[in-house]
């Protein structure tokens, strides 16, 4: 039917149809009452304000770099630093970080991506910075080029860089960035070196049992020069300026210079991310990492035993990485630095998990791999302060990091829902295997390595406490997965026993079946993190004892391993029972229980815990063969004594009686 009018300004069929194509009636268009306007209702937009495609693309992104006013807005405007001036200051600081020790100047640096040719650099600098008196060398090719600085990029920007320029980078179905760490899929502790000088000679732990392998200052400078020259030879490097330690009074400023977007995103997640204002006032870092892991060290250099070297110079506050792209070296390298710097301030650095109840009660969880530290410290009824690295100062506890570094092997939503759900946009996944079409990760696949990992900001955990700080701990929980099956499910420790088991750092692993060995293997790691500590373990133990005594914290030893027999004959203690034990510790009810004492180790064990079968609380009751139980208990006690021999010659703290008390707290035959 034809329309009778066109007042709506749209369209109509004419009263006398005129033929269009294929014999269909023509549609007449009008613009309201203007009969002479032959245009349909116009919903078009004005043309873009761009003359070229490049100009159009430049309109797509607005500037987001803030220009925070100087504190005290009453100051005259001419005293404020312009954005260009602020960027120039940042570049001068970065150029100083990248300066060679044998040349007069740092490299020419410019901000921005060199591959975006249409972007005009807004700030550039050649920083005159003399480190040492050295002869002036002739101009090199590297002095004639600009090194582009990609400074504190966002996760989205780093995704783009990784996918475009780093082979092996993909977006998974959950939105995480999957990357490869190259030939090294774990840390290289045998390639770690620490400069031994007049200061560290007396301060650090050297010799038998120590993780600190020495190098001299000259060799460090050789490797530093190699790393800096490599980084400056690149068209672009990534620079992260971030913080360690959520306690604002004791936080450390760190700068990470790296060649891969993967490394930059990893540290973006793992360190504390500064606000825009904090970044503008960042200044000179307290510590700098030069990650040239894509370039090997020179194996002819003194102290080098492979093409990999991770070098720490505490005097210069610098770390150099050569020959390994495994990102965990940066995280644990900085943890070692905190193990050195914090005790100088009478702050105890700890390799532990930490959570807090709604009433403000804080618990620390110590434990080696496989003991359940992550599982038990992640509790939906409590706030997570952190999962791995902490400080205990006069203000309470604080997380050192801004993220979590979780194992992914055999991860499932049912077992670890918080970790599973944290693997989303912004998360870095290392060495995982995924479906080439759907990009769904197969968490059980060990084709690349068993040490698959995910690094994500701590805010990705729903019950994380932000800021990650809490009051002084009420409970100190030492976890052991005892495959010998002789340690009780829970023991209350006195102060000396807590120190003994803290220094011992025990767990037991079961050897692989491929070599036919099924006997449990005892593993000891001083302070539950021997690979990262810098001072002698007794120094950390003395600080822990002092703080526990001052703030009234209680020590507990919790066995998450076997009961009723060793591995192969006994059974693993049910996780549900362990959770009930931890709940009783948190509530304080376990302090009110009645206790009996075990033989050899002299541990106090409760006679009853709500929700836990009483018969499993004393291991002697669960073994059908009593002689076999005593033999296993005696064997484990002997292993403890043998391990502790390396610590006997050290004075523990200022209390002369403490060393004797700690020794007496061990196994007694």
Foldseek 3Di string as FASTA:
>chain_A
DWDPDCQVQAKTFDPPFDADPPRDGDIFGGGHPPRVHRDGDDPDDDDDPDDDPVRVVVVVDDDDQDQDFDPDVVDDPVVGQDPQRLVQLVQLQVQQVLAAQAEQWGAKEFEDDVVPVVDDTSYIDIHGDHDDDHDHDDDDPLNVDYAYEHELDDLVVLLVQCVVPPPQWDQFLQRFIEHAFPPDQDDDLLQEEEADDPVLVPFWDDDPLASHHYDHPVLVSVLSNVLSVVSSVDNYWYKYWFWFWLPVVDIFTEIEIGRHSLLVLLQCAWAHHDDSVCVSVVHHGQAYEREPAVAFDDCVRPPHDDRWHWYHYLVVRYIYTYNTRHNVSVVLQVLLSCLRPVVVVLKFKAFWWWWAAPVQAIETEFAAPPQCRQVLSDDPRIATLGRTIWIQDPAAIHGGIQKDKDFQAVDDCVRCVLVVQQRHNSKYKYPFDADPPNSHTDNNDQPRHNRIIIIGGPVSRPRHDPVSGGHHHQEYEYTEAALQAQDFQKFWDDLLLLLLCQQFNWYWDADDPVVPGGDIDIDGAGNSPSNRRTHRSLASSLSVSVSCVVVVHIYMYGHQHFAQGGPPGTDGDDPQQSSQVVVCVRVVVVVVFDWDFDAQLRTTWGQDGPPHPSQRRHRCSSHPDNVSSVVSVVVVLVVSVVSCPVVLVDQRPPDNCSSVSNVVNGGDD
